[in-house]
Protein backbone atom coordinates (compact mmCIF):
# COMPACT_ATOMS: atom_id res chain seq x y z
CA MET A 1 6.15 0.14 -6.05
CA LEU A 2 4.93 -0.97 -9.43
CA ALA A 3 4.75 -4.56 -8.21
CA ILE A 4 2.49 -3.84 -5.22
CA GLY A 5 0.58 -0.82 -6.56
CA PRO A 6 -2.30 -2.80 -8.08
CA GLN A 7 -2.67 -4.89 -4.90
CA VAL A 8 -2.77 -1.78 -2.74
CA PHE A 9 -5.36 -0.18 -5.02
CA ASP A 10 -7.51 -3.34 -4.97
CA GLN A 11 -7.43 -3.43 -1.16
CA CYS A 12 -8.36 0.24 -0.93
CA GLY A 13 -11.17 -0.29 -3.41
CA ARG A 14 -12.68 -2.95 -1.18
CA PHE A 15 -13.12 -0.44 1.63
CA LEU A 16 -13.71 2.71 -0.37
CA PRO A 17 -16.34 2.33 -3.08
CA CYS A 18 -15.58 5.74 -4.61
CA ARG A 19 -12.75 5.19 -7.11
CA GLN A 20 -11.18 8.58 -6.44
CA ASP A 21 -11.06 7.89 -2.69
CA ALA A 22 -9.50 4.48 -3.32
CA GLU A 23 -6.88 6.01 -5.62
CA GLU A 24 -6.01 8.66 -3.04
CA ALA A 25 -5.77 6.11 -0.22
CA ALA A 26 -3.59 3.83 -2.35
CA GLN A 27 -1.32 6.73 -3.24
CA ASP A 28 -1.02 7.68 0.44
CA ALA A 29 -0.22 4.09 1.40
CA LEU A 30 2.43 3.77 -1.31
CA MET A 31 4.01 7.04 -0.20
CA ARG A 32 4.26 5.66 3.34
CA VAL A 33 5.91 2.52 1.98
CA ALA A 34 8.37 4.60 -0.06
CA THR A 35 9.12 6.86 2.90
CA ASN A 36 9.76 3.96 5.27
CA ILE A 37 11.37 1.44 2.91
CA GLY A 38 14.68 1.91 4.70
CA ARG A 39 13.16 0.33 7.81
CA PHE A 40 12.21 -2.82 5.88
CA ASP A 41 14.66 -5.52 6.95
CA GLY A 42 13.40 -8.35 4.75
CA ALA A 43 12.11 -10.40 7.70
CA ALA A 44 8.59 -10.43 6.22
CA GLN A 45 7.05 -10.03 2.82
CA LEU A 46 6.36 -6.42 1.87
CA VAL A 47 2.66 -7.26 1.53
CA ALA A 48 2.60 -8.47 5.15
CA VAL A 49 4.34 -5.31 6.30
CA ARG A 50 1.72 -3.25 4.49
CA ARG A 51 -1.04 -4.98 6.46
CA GLY A 52 0.67 -4.35 9.76
CA GLY A 53 1.00 -0.61 9.25
């Protein structure tokens, strides 16, 4: 999570100009990644999986 956290926050910040909204969206996205990490089979990069969500 630490490796992709800044990327997720940057992406959220592009769509949500309010910093607090971007932080909340990034946190929600990272929670979804953490919750579903068991479904990740390594066939794609985690960043690509995040985009497909």
